Amino acid sequence: MTQNYVCPSCGASTTRFRATLGSHICQRCGHEWAPMKVGKHGGKGFASLKSWAIGVSVVGLILLISGQPLLVLPSVVLWVVYFYKTRKENQRKIIEAYEERELRLKNSRCKNQDCENIFETNEEFCTKCGTPRARPLMNSEFLLCGSCGREFGRNIKFCPGCGTQAY
């Protein structure tokens, strides 16, 4: 990230961005925070298209009442484009949710080919065959200390929180 972030807790500028969670963590005090998000489209895209469609429709309706159907066709076109784009966006969201559900189910099934039992969230071993649960490795640029639970970079040899050697 090109922008430097300052810890809101201690004011230190030695912070790291965790892409996996979208949050920042202070290397000095360990405080963790996520920057505020303005919105998905930042005032552009579907929201502005809808605003244009509403505005043109209101003006078109006023002109239609006064006997001048000048903006009826452009307002209809804007509404068609808006509904088409929102439909596509909703379809994309449904597909992403379905793929996420399938991945979650795949990771929660027993790896034994004969069993394929579905694990509960707190189970570490299969209740039918006893096979240990295979958890996917997290792809992260940070390590987690086994003693104090603090996160630190891969190139650090000792935990900055408790001094435990990193393995």
C-alpha atoms as a PDB file:
ATOM      1  CA  MET A   1       0.000   0.000   0.000  1.00  0.00           C
ATOM      2  CA  THR A   2       1.299   3.417  -0.881  1.00  0.00           C
ATOM      3  CA  GLN A   3      -0.551   5.335   1.834  1.00  0.00           C
ATOM      4  CA  ASN A   4       0.988   5.364   5.332  1.00  0.00           C
ATOM      5  CA  TYR A   5      -1.440   4.636   8.143  1.00  0.00           C
ATOM      6  CA  VAL A   6      -1.048   5.848  11.711  1.00  0.00           C
ATOM      7  CA  CYS A   7      -2.224   3.728  14.618  1.00  0.00           C
ATOM      8  CA  PRO A   8      -5.292   5.369  16.216  1.00  0.00           C
ATOM      9  CA  SER A   9      -4.293   3.927  19.587  1.00  0.00           C
ATOM     10  CA  CYS A  10      -0.633   4.938  20.014  1.00  0.00           C
ATOM     11  CA  GLY A  11       0.079   7.164  16.980  1.00  0.00           C
ATOM     12  CA  ALA A  12       2.893   4.989  15.595  1.00  0.00           C
ATOM     13  CA  SER A  13       3.409   4.895  11.844  1.00  0.00           C
ATOM     14  CA  THR A  14       4.866   1.365  11.856  1.00  0.00           C
ATOM     15  CA  THR A  15       1.740  -0.455  10.741  1.00  0.00           C
ATOM     16  CA  ARG A  16       1.098  -3.352   8.390  1.00  0.00           C
ATOM     17  CA  PHE A  17      -1.866  -4.064   6.169  1.00  0.00           C
ATOM     18  CA  ARG A  18      -3.349  -7.568   6.398  1.00  0.00           C
ATOM     19  CA  ALA A  19      -4.837  -8.280   2.990  1.00  0.00           C
ATOM     20  CA  THR A  20      -6.566 -11.455   4.200  1.00  0.00           C
ATOM     21  CA  LEU A  21      -8.782  -9.514   6.619  1.00  0.00           C
ATOM     22  CA  GLY A  22      -8.565  -6.037   5.102  1.00  0.00           C
ATOM     23  CA  SER A  23      -7.340  -4.571   8.364  1.00  0.00           C
ATOM     24  CA  HIS A  24      -4.256  -2.815   9.695  1.00  0.00           C
ATOM     25  CA  ILE A  25      -2.185  -3.845  12.693  1.00  0.00           C
ATOM     26  CA  CYS A  26       0.239  -1.691  14.654  1.00  0.00           C
ATOM     27  CA  GLN A  27       3.651  -3.283  15.131  1.00  0.00           C
ATOM     28  CA  ARG A  28       4.290  -1.196  18.228  1.00  0.00           C
ATOM     29  CA  CYS A  29       1.182  -1.757  20.368  1.00  0.00           C
ATOM     30  CA  GLY A  30      -0.603  -4.567  18.472  1.00  0.00           C
ATOM     31  CA  HIS A  31      -3.796  -2.534  17.975  1.00  0.00           C
ATOM     32  CA  GLU A  32      -5.855  -3.721  15.003  1.00  0.00           C
ATOM     33  CA  TRP A  33      -8.336  -1.657  13.003  1.00  0.00           C
ATOM     34  CA  ALA A  34     -10.049  -1.562   9.629  1.00  0.00           C
ATOM     35  CA  PRO A  35     -10.330   1.677   7.650  1.00  0.00           C
ATOM     36  CA  MET A  36     -13.859   2.939   7.081  1.00  0.00           C
ATOM     37  CA  LYS A  37     -15.332   2.181   3.689  1.00  0.00           C
ATOM     38  CA  VAL A  38     -17.360   4.818   1.899  1.00  0.00           C
ATOM     39  CA  GLY A  39     -19.342   2.364  -0.180  1.00  0.00           C
ATOM     40  CA  LYS A  40     -18.953  -0.239  -2.836  1.00  0.00           C
ATOM     41  CA  HIS A  41     -19.094   2.108  -5.782  1.00  0.00           C
ATOM     42  CA  GLY A  42     -17.987   5.334  -4.069  1.00  0.00           C
ATOM     43  CA  GLY A  43     -20.892   7.340  -5.473  1.00  0.00           C
ATOM     44  CA  LYS A  44     -20.524   6.044  -9.024  1.00  0.00           C
ATOM     45  CA  GLY A  45     -21.906   3.160 -11.004  1.00  0.00           C
ATOM     46  CA  PHE A  46     -25.374   1.809 -10.264  1.00  0.00           C
ATOM     47  CA  ALA A  47     -26.257   4.476  -7.716  1.00  0.00           C
ATOM     48  CA  SER A  48     -25.598   7.341 -10.134  1.00  0.00           C
ATOM     49  CA  LEU A  49     -27.320   5.473 -12.969  1.00  0.00           C
ATOM     50  CA  LYS A  50     -30.411   5.124 -10.800  1.00  0.00           C
ATOM     51  CA  SER A  51     -30.237   8.829  -9.906  1.00  0.00           C
ATOM     52  CA  TRP A  52     -30.069   9.743 -13.592  1.00  0.00           C
ATOM     53  CA  ALA A  53     -32.987   7.451 -14.400  1.00  0.00           C
ATOM     54  CA  ILE A  54     -35.098   8.998 -11.626  1.00  0.00           C
ATOM     55  CA  GLY A  55     -34.190  12.540 -12.653  1.00  0.00           C
ATOM     56  CA  VAL A  56     -34.872  11.997 -16.344  1.00  0.00           C
ATOM     57  CA  SER A  57     -38.125  10.187 -15.490  1.00  0.00           C
ATOM     58  CA  VAL A  58     -39.363  13.062 -13.324  1.00  0.00           C
ATOM     59  CA  VAL A  59     -38.523  15.638 -15.978  1.00  0.00           C
ATOM     60  CA  GLY A  60     -39.995  13.356 -18.669  1.00  0.00           C
ATOM     61  CA  LEU A  61     -43.203  12.925 -16.662  1.00  0.00           C
ATOM     62  CA  ILE A  62     -43.535  16.677 -16.198  1.00  0.00           C
ATOM     63  CA  LEU A  63     -42.985  17.220 -19.926  1.00  0.00           C
ATOM     64  CA  LEU A  64     -45.417  14.393 -20.776  1.00  0.00           C
ATOM     65  CA  ILE A  65     -48.124  16.000 -18.606  1.00  0.00           C
ATOM     66  CA  SER A  66     -47.505  19.326 -20.317  1.00  0.00           C
ATOM     67  CA  GLY A  67     -47.971  17.633 -23.699  1.00  0.00           C
ATOM     68  CA  GLN A  68     -44.330  17.221 -24.776  1.00  0.00           C
ATOM     69  CA  PRO A  69     -43.240  13.542 -24.664  1.00  0.00           C
ATOM     70  CA  LEU A  70     -39.607  14.490 -25.231  1.00  0.00           C
ATOM     71  CA  LEU A  71     -37.836  12.499 -22.501  1.00  0.00           C
ATOM     72  CA  VAL A  72     -40.078   9.427 -22.269  1.00  0.00           C
ATOM     73  CA  LEU A  73     -37.864   7.240 -24.456  1.00  0.00           C
ATOM     74  CA  PRO A  74     -34.537   8.225 -22.772  1.00  0.00           C
ATOM     75  CA  SER A  75     -36.010   7.569 -19.320  1.00  0.00           C
ATOM     76  CA  VAL A  76     -37.273   4.145 -20.419  1.00  0.00           C
ATOM     77  CA  VAL A  77     -33.827   3.327 -21.839  1.00  0.00           C
ATOM     78  CA  LEU A  78     -32.102   4.424 -18.605  1.00  0.00           C
ATOM     79  CA  TRP A  79     -34.438   2.246 -16.520  1.00  0.00           C
ATOM     80  CA  VAL A  80     -33.875  -0.768 -18.794  1.00  0.00           C
ATOM     81  CA  VAL A  81     -30.089  -0.341 -18.538  1.00  0.00           C
ATOM     82  CA  TYR A  82     -30.314   0.101 -14.749  1.00  0.00           C
ATOM     83  CA  PHE A  83     -32.401  -3.056 -14.254  1.00  0.00           C
ATOM     84  CA  TYR A  84     -30.189  -5.040 -16.621  1.00  0.00           C
ATOM     85  CA  LYS A  85     -27.044  -4.032 -14.724  1.00  0.00           C
ATOM     86  CA  THR A  86     -28.558  -4.711 -11.293  1.00  0.00           C
ATOM     87  CA  ARG A  87     -29.788  -8.098 -12.539  1.00  0.00           C
ATOM     88  CA  LYS A  88     -26.267  -8.977 -13.716  1.00  0.00           C
ATOM     89  CA  GLU A  89     -24.802  -7.803 -10.382  1.00  0.00           C
ATOM     90  CA  ASN A  90     -27.319  -9.904  -8.435  1.00  0.00           C
ATOM     91  CA  GLN A  91     -26.551 -12.951 -10.581  1.00  0.00           C
ATOM     92  CA  ARG A  92     -22.832 -12.474  -9.895  1.00  0.00           C
ATOM     93  CA  LYS A  93     -23.498 -12.262  -6.143  1.00  0.00           C
ATOM     94  CA  ILE A  94     -25.603 -15.434  -6.233  1.00  0.00           C
ATOM     95  CA  ILE A  95     -22.874 -17.313  -8.117  1.00  0.00           C
ATOM     96  CA  GLU A  96     -20.203 -16.114  -5.645  1.00  0.00           C
ATOM     97  CA  ALA A  97     -22.352 -17.175  -2.676  1.00  0.00           C
ATOM     98  CA  TYR A  98     -22.957 -20.584  -4.266  1.00  0.00           C
ATOM     99  CA  GLU A  99     -19.227 -21.092  -4.940  1.00  0.00           C
ATOM    100  CA  GLU A 100     -18.372 -20.025  -1.373  1.00  0.00           C
ATOM    101  CA  ARG A 101     -20.950 -22.493   0.006  1.00  0.00           C
ATOM    102  CA  GLU A 102     -19.565 -25.310  -2.143  1.00  0.00           C
ATOM    103  CA  LEU A 103     -16.028 -24.577  -0.961  1.00  0.00           C
ATOM    104  CA  ARG A 104     -17.187 -24.497   2.667  1.00  0.00           C
ATOM    105  CA  LEU A 105     -18.958 -27.848   2.226  1.00  0.00           C
ATOM    106  CA  LYS A 106     -15.932 -29.342   0.469  1.00  0.00           C
ATOM    107  CA  ASN A 107     -13.655 -28.291   3.343  1.00  0.00           C
ATOM    108  CA  SER A 108     -16.072 -29.641   5.960  1.00  0.00           C
ATOM    109  CA  ARG A 109     -16.398 -33.172   4.531  1.00  0.00           C
ATOM    110  CA  CYS A 110     -14.387 -36.098   5.863  1.00  0.00           C
ATOM    111  CA  LYS A 111     -11.433 -36.869   3.598  1.00  0.00           C
ATOM    112  CA  ASN A 112     -11.972 -40.616   3.965  1.00  0.00           C
ATOM    113  CA  GLN A 113     -13.412 -41.787   0.622  1.00  0.00           C
ATOM    114  CA  ASP A 114     -15.654 -44.406   2.276  1.00  0.00           C
ATOM    115  CA  CYS A 115     -17.098 -42.033   4.886  1.00  0.00           C
ATOM    116  CA  GLU A 116     -17.549 -38.452   3.574  1.00  0.00           C
ATOM    117  CA  ASN A 117     -19.306 -37.425   6.788  1.00  0.00           C
ATOM    118  CA  ILE A 118     -19.919 -33.662   7.215  1.00  0.00           C
ATOM    119  CA  PHE A 119     -18.063 -32.169  10.196  1.00  0.00           C
ATOM    120  CA  GLU A 120     -19.723 -29.890  12.699  1.00  0.00           C
ATOM    121  CA  THR A 121     -17.864 -26.610  13.283  1.00  0.00           C
ATOM    122  CA  ASN A 122     -16.250 -27.710  16.570  1.00  0.00           C
ATOM    123  CA  GLU A 123     -15.283 -31.274  15.561  1.00  0.00           C
ATOM    124  CA  GLU A 124     -11.619 -32.032  14.872  1.00  0.00           C
ATOM    125  CA  PHE A 125     -12.150 -35.752  14.151  1.00  0.00           C
ATOM    126  CA  CYS A 126     -14.820 -37.559  12.151  1.00  0.00           C
ATOM    127  CA  THR A 127     -17.521 -39.045  14.384  1.00  0.00           C
ATOM    128  CA  LYS A 128     -18.011 -42.030  12.035  1.00  0.00           C
ATOM    129  CA  CYS A 129     -14.470 -43.134  11.115  1.00  0.00           C
ATOM    130  CA  GLY A 130     -12.122 -41.104  13.358  1.00  0.00           C
ATOM    131  CA  THR A 131     -10.207 -39.415  10.505  1.00  0.00           C
ATOM    132  CA  PRO A 132      -8.711 -36.060  11.577  1.00  0.00           C
ATOM    133  CA  ARG A 133     -10.211 -32.995   9.974  1.00  0.00           C
ATOM    134  CA  ALA A 134      -8.065 -31.526   7.206  1.00  0.00           C
ATOM    135  CA  ARG A 135      -8.117 -27.756   7.466  1.00  0.00           C
ATOM    136  CA  PRO A 136      -6.936 -25.600   4.565  1.00  0.00           C
ATOM    137  CA  LEU A 137      -3.771 -23.594   5.169  1.00  0.00           C
ATOM    138  CA  MET A 138      -4.236 -19.868   5.305  1.00  0.00           C
ATOM    139  CA  ASN A 139      -2.364 -17.943   2.652  1.00  0.00           C
ATOM    140  CA  SER A 140      -1.102 -15.060   4.741  1.00  0.00           C
ATOM    141  CA  GLU A 141       1.979 -12.901   4.804  1.00  0.00           C
ATOM    142  CA  PHE A 142       1.973 -13.054   8.617  1.00  0.00           C
ATOM    143  CA  LEU A 143       2.791 -15.673  11.246  1.00  0.00           C
ATOM    144  CA  LEU A 144       0.905 -16.190  14.489  1.00  0.00           C
ATOM    145  CA  CYS A 145       2.796 -16.609  17.756  1.00  0.00           C
ATOM    146  CA  GLY A 146       1.944 -19.863  19.527  1.00  0.00           C
ATOM    147  CA  SER A 147       2.554 -18.341  22.967  1.00  0.00           C
ATOM    148  CA  CYS A 148       0.816 -14.972  22.960  1.00  0.00           C
ATOM    149  CA  GLY A 149      -1.199 -15.131  19.722  1.00  0.00           C
ATOM    150  CA  ARG A 150       0.308 -11.948  18.253  1.00  0.00           C
ATOM    151  CA  GLU A 151       0.736 -11.652  14.507  1.00  0.00           C
ATOM    152  CA  PHE A 152       4.088 -10.761  12.952  1.00  0.00           C
ATOM    153  CA  GLY A 153       5.861 -10.829   9.590  1.00  0.00           C
ATOM    154  CA  ARG A 154       7.471 -13.930   8.106  1.00  0.00           C
ATOM    155  CA  ASN A 155      10.983 -12.481   8.180  1.00  0.00           C
ATOM    156  CA  ILE A 156      10.943 -11.853  11.967  1.00  0.00           C
ATOM    157  CA  LYS A 157      12.826 -14.472  14.019  1.00  0.00           C
ATOM    158  CA  PHE A 158      11.354 -13.677  17.469  1.00  0.00           C
ATOM    159  CA  CYS A 159       7.849 -12.602  18.485  1.00  0.00           C
ATOM    160  CA  PRO A 160       7.787  -8.860  19.286  1.00  0.00           C
ATOM    161  CA  GLY A 161       5.116  -9.465  21.930  1.00  0.00           C
ATOM    162  CA  CYS A 162       6.672 -12.159  24.122  1.00  0.00           C
ATOM    163  CA  GLY A 163      10.104 -12.966  22.650  1.00  0.00           C
ATOM    164  CA  THR A 164       9.289 -16.566  21.687  1.00  0.00           C
ATOM    165  CA  GLN A 165      11.390 -17.845  18.805  1.00  0.00           C
ATOM    166  CA  ALA A 166       9.453 -18.169  15.552  1.00  0.00           C
ATOM    167  CA  TYR A 167       9.633 -21.535  13.801  1.00  0.00           C
END
